[in-house]
Amino acid sequence: MNLAEKSLRSLVDKWFAPNPATPVRITRFSRTRLHQRRYVCVETWRPTGPLAIFFFQHDDGSWCVFPPEASAQQPH
């Protein structure tokens, strides 16, 4: 997998296509409680209302719109 294609910036560009007329902003960022994995919530305003998407960082450093699966080595 090409990590450049799974960078947070590339995913925000893919899902939101930001431009001066429809800027995006980070509204929340932190780590998950259980496994301390990073997540970011990005939001924009569309004519139909707000659009917010959570992005989750995976163990390989890539970002996805779904959380990583819990590994058997990590405590639950």
N, C-alpha and C. Protein backbone atom coordinates (compact mmCIF):
# COMPACT_ATOMS: atom_id res chain seq x y z
N MET A 1 0.85 -1.17 0.00
CA MET A 1 0.00 0.00 0.00
C MET A 1 0.89 1.23 0.00
N ASN A 2 0.57 2.20 -0.83
CA ASN A 2 1.29 3.45 -0.89
C ASN A 2 0.75 4.35 0.23
N LEU A 3 1.60 4.66 1.22
CA LEU A 3 1.13 5.46 2.36
C LEU A 3 0.74 6.87 1.94
N ALA A 4 1.32 7.39 0.86
CA ALA A 4 0.92 8.72 0.39
C ALA A 4 -0.55 8.74 0.00
N GLU A 5 -1.06 7.61 -0.49
CA GLU A 5 -2.47 7.52 -0.85
C GLU A 5 -3.36 7.38 0.36
N LYS A 6 -2.79 7.08 1.51
CA LYS A 6 -3.57 6.91 2.74
C LYS A 6 -3.20 7.96 3.79
N SER A 7 -2.60 9.06 3.33
CA SER A 7 -2.30 10.15 4.26
C SER A 7 -3.61 10.85 4.62
N LEU A 8 -3.61 11.51 5.74
CA LEU A 8 -4.81 12.23 6.16
C LEU A 8 -5.16 13.31 5.13
N ARG A 9 -4.16 14.00 4.63
CA ARG A 9 -4.41 15.05 3.64
C ARG A 9 -5.05 14.49 2.37
N SER A 10 -4.54 13.36 1.89
CA SER A 10 -5.09 12.80 0.65
C SER A 10 -6.53 12.33 0.86
N LEU A 11 -6.84 11.79 2.03
CA LEU A 11 -8.21 11.36 2.29
C LEU A 11 -9.16 12.55 2.43
N VAL A 12 -8.70 13.61 3.08
CA VAL A 12 -9.54 14.81 3.18
C VAL A 12 -9.81 15.36 1.78
N ASP A 13 -8.78 15.40 0.94
CA ASP A 13 -8.98 15.85 -0.44
C ASP A 13 -9.97 14.96 -1.18
N LYS A 14 -9.85 13.66 -0.98
CA LYS A 14 -10.73 12.71 -1.67
C LYS A 14 -12.18 12.85 -1.22
N TRP A 15 -12.42 12.90 0.08
CA TRP A 15 -13.78 12.89 0.61
C TRP A 15 -14.45 14.26 0.58
N PHE A 16 -13.66 15.34 0.72
CA PHE A 16 -14.26 16.67 0.83
C PHE A 16 -14.02 17.56 -0.39
N ALA A 17 -12.95 17.34 -1.14
CA ALA A 17 -12.56 18.23 -2.25
C ALA A 17 -12.62 19.68 -1.81
N PRO A 18 -11.84 20.04 -0.76
CA PRO A 18 -11.92 21.40 -0.23
C PRO A 18 -11.45 22.44 -1.24
N ASN A 19 -12.04 23.61 -1.14
CA ASN A 19 -11.66 24.76 -1.96
C ASN A 19 -12.08 26.01 -1.18
N PRO A 20 -11.73 27.19 -1.67
CA PRO A 20 -12.07 28.40 -0.91
C PRO A 20 -13.57 28.55 -0.63
N ALA A 21 -14.41 28.03 -1.49
CA ALA A 21 -15.86 28.13 -1.28
C ALA A 21 -16.37 27.12 -0.26
N THR A 22 -15.68 25.99 -0.12
CA THR A 22 -16.09 24.96 0.84
C THR A 22 -14.88 24.51 1.64
N PRO A 23 -14.42 25.35 2.56
CA PRO A 23 -13.26 24.97 3.37
C PRO A 23 -13.62 23.87 4.36
N VAL A 24 -12.60 23.18 4.83
CA VAL A 24 -12.79 22.16 5.86
C VAL A 24 -12.07 22.61 7.12
N ARG A 25 -12.48 22.03 8.24
CA ARG A 25 -11.79 22.32 9.50
C ARG A 25 -11.79 21.08 10.37
N ILE A 26 -10.78 20.98 11.17
CA ILE A 26 -10.69 19.90 12.15
C ILE A 26 -11.50 20.34 13.36
N THR A 27 -12.50 19.54 13.72
CA THR A 27 -13.36 19.90 14.84
C THR A 27 -13.05 19.11 16.10
N ARG A 28 -12.33 18.01 15.93
CA ARG A 28 -11.98 17.19 17.09
C ARG A 28 -10.79 16.31 16.72
N PHE A 29 -9.91 16.12 17.68
CA PHE A 29 -8.83 15.15 17.51
C PHE A 29 -8.40 14.67 18.89
N SER A 30 -8.04 13.43 18.95
CA SER A 30 -7.65 12.83 20.22
C SER A 30 -7.16 11.42 19.96
N ARG A 31 -7.22 10.62 21.01
CA ARG A 31 -6.88 9.20 20.92
C ARG A 31 -8.05 8.39 21.47
N THR A 32 -8.22 7.19 20.93
CA THR A 32 -9.29 6.32 21.43
C THR A 32 -8.97 5.89 22.86
N ARG A 33 -9.98 5.61 23.62
CA ARG A 33 -9.77 5.22 25.02
C ARG A 33 -9.07 3.88 25.16
N LEU A 34 -9.55 2.90 24.41
CA LEU A 34 -9.02 1.55 24.60
C LEU A 34 -7.58 1.36 24.15
N HIS A 35 -7.26 1.79 22.95
CA HIS A 35 -5.96 1.46 22.39
C HIS A 35 -5.10 2.67 22.10
N GLN A 36 -5.55 3.84 22.51
CA GLN A 36 -4.79 5.08 22.33
C GLN A 36 -4.41 5.34 20.87
N ARG A 37 -5.29 4.99 19.97
CA ARG A 37 -5.06 5.24 18.55
C ARG A 37 -5.62 6.61 18.20
N ARG A 38 -4.93 7.30 17.32
CA ARG A 38 -5.32 8.66 16.95
C ARG A 38 -6.55 8.67 16.04
N TYR A 39 -7.37 9.70 16.25
CA TYR A 39 -8.48 9.95 15.34
C TYR A 39 -8.65 11.46 15.17
N VAL A 40 -9.25 11.84 14.06
CA VAL A 40 -9.48 13.24 13.72
C VAL A 40 -10.88 13.34 13.11
N CYS A 41 -11.63 14.34 13.51
CA CYS A 41 -12.92 14.62 12.89
C CYS A 41 -12.76 15.88 12.04
N VAL A 42 -13.08 15.76 10.76
CA VAL A 42 -12.98 16.86 9.82
C VAL A 42 -14.40 17.22 9.38
N GLU A 43 -14.68 18.51 9.29
CA GLU A 43 -16.04 18.96 8.99
C GLU A 43 -16.04 20.07 7.95
N THR A 44 -17.09 20.11 7.18
CA THR A 44 -17.34 21.20 6.24
C THR A 44 -18.83 21.47 6.23
N TRP A 45 -19.21 22.56 5.61
CA TRP A 45 -20.62 22.91 5.49
C TRP A 45 -21.02 22.82 4.03
N ARG A 46 -22.05 22.07 3.75
CA ARG A 46 -22.59 21.91 2.40
C ARG A 46 -23.96 22.58 2.34
N PRO A 47 -24.50 22.83 1.17
CA PRO A 47 -25.85 23.41 1.08
C PRO A 47 -26.91 22.58 1.81
N THR A 48 -26.68 21.28 1.91
CA THR A 48 -27.63 20.41 2.59
C THR A 48 -27.38 20.32 4.09
N GLY A 49 -26.32 20.95 4.57
CA GLY A 49 -26.01 20.93 5.99
C GLY A 49 -24.58 20.52 6.24
N PRO A 50 -24.23 20.32 7.51
CA PRO A 50 -22.84 19.97 7.83
C PRO A 50 -22.51 18.54 7.41
N LEU A 51 -21.25 18.33 7.07
CA LEU A 51 -20.72 17.01 6.75
C LEU A 51 -19.50 16.81 7.60
N ALA A 52 -19.49 15.78 8.43
CA ALA A 52 -18.35 15.47 9.30
C ALA A 52 -17.95 14.02 9.09
N ILE A 53 -16.66 13.79 9.00
CA ILE A 53 -16.13 12.43 8.84
C ILE A 53 -15.00 12.23 9.84
N PHE A 54 -15.01 11.08 10.51
CA PHE A 54 -13.92 10.70 11.39
C PHE A 54 -12.90 9.90 10.59
N PHE A 55 -11.64 10.19 10.80
CA PHE A 55 -10.54 9.44 10.20
C PHE A 55 -9.72 8.82 11.33
N PHE A 56 -9.30 7.57 11.14
CA PHE A 56 -8.57 6.82 12.17
C PHE A 56 -7.19 6.43 11.66
N GLN A 57 -6.19 6.62 12.50
CA GLN A 57 -4.84 6.22 12.11
C GLN A 57 -4.62 4.75 12.44
N HIS A 58 -4.04 4.03 11.49
CA HIS A 58 -3.76 2.61 11.65
C HIS A 58 -2.30 2.40 12.05
N ASP A 59 -1.98 1.19 12.46
CA ASP A 59 -0.63 0.87 12.96
C ASP A 59 0.47 1.16 11.96
N ASP A 60 0.18 1.07 10.67
CA ASP A 60 1.20 1.32 9.65
C ASP A 60 1.35 2.81 9.33
N GLY A 61 0.61 3.66 10.04
CA GLY A 61 0.70 5.09 9.83
C GLY A 61 -0.32 5.64 8.85
N SER A 62 -1.05 4.76 8.18
CA SER A 62 -2.06 5.20 7.22
C SER A 62 -3.31 5.66 7.96
N TRP A 63 -4.15 6.42 7.27
CA TRP A 63 -5.41 6.90 7.82
C TRP A 63 -6.55 6.31 7.00
N CYS A 64 -7.65 5.97 7.66
CA CYS A 64 -8.82 5.40 7.00
C CYS A 64 -10.09 5.94 7.65
N VAL A 65 -11.22 5.74 6.98
CA VAL A 65 -12.50 6.18 7.54
C VAL A 65 -13.09 5.13 8.46
N PHE A 66 -12.39 4.03 8.65
CA PHE A 66 -12.85 3.00 9.59
C PHE A 66 -11.73 2.77 10.61
N PRO A 67 -12.10 2.44 11.85
CA PRO A 67 -11.07 2.22 12.87
C PRO A 67 -10.32 0.91 12.62
N PRO A 68 -9.07 0.85 13.09
CA PRO A 68 -8.32 -0.40 12.93
C PRO A 68 -8.91 -1.49 13.80
N GLU A 69 -8.72 -2.71 13.37
CA GLU A 69 -9.17 -3.84 14.18
C GLU A 69 -8.27 -3.97 15.39
N ALA A 70 -8.84 -4.42 16.48
CA ALA A 70 -8.05 -4.64 17.69
C ALA A 70 -7.14 -5.83 17.47
N SER A 71 -5.89 -5.68 17.83
CA SER A 71 -4.95 -6.78 17.69
C SER A 71 -5.02 -7.67 18.94
N ALA A 72 -4.70 -8.93 18.77
CA ALA A 72 -4.77 -9.89 19.88
C ALA A 72 -3.73 -9.57 20.94
N GLN A 73 -2.68 -8.82 20.59
CA GLN A 73 -1.61 -8.50 21.54
C GLN A 73 -1.96 -7.33 22.43
N GLN A 74 -2.95 -6.55 22.08
CA GLN A 74 -3.29 -5.38 22.85
C GLN A 74 -4.37 -5.72 23.87
N PRO A 75 -4.26 -5.16 25.08
CA PRO A 75 -5.29 -5.44 26.10
C PRO A 75 -6.61 -4.79 25.72
N HIS A 76 -7.71 -5.41 26.12
CA HIS A 76 -9.04 -4.88 25.82
C HIS A 76 -9.58 -4.17 27.00
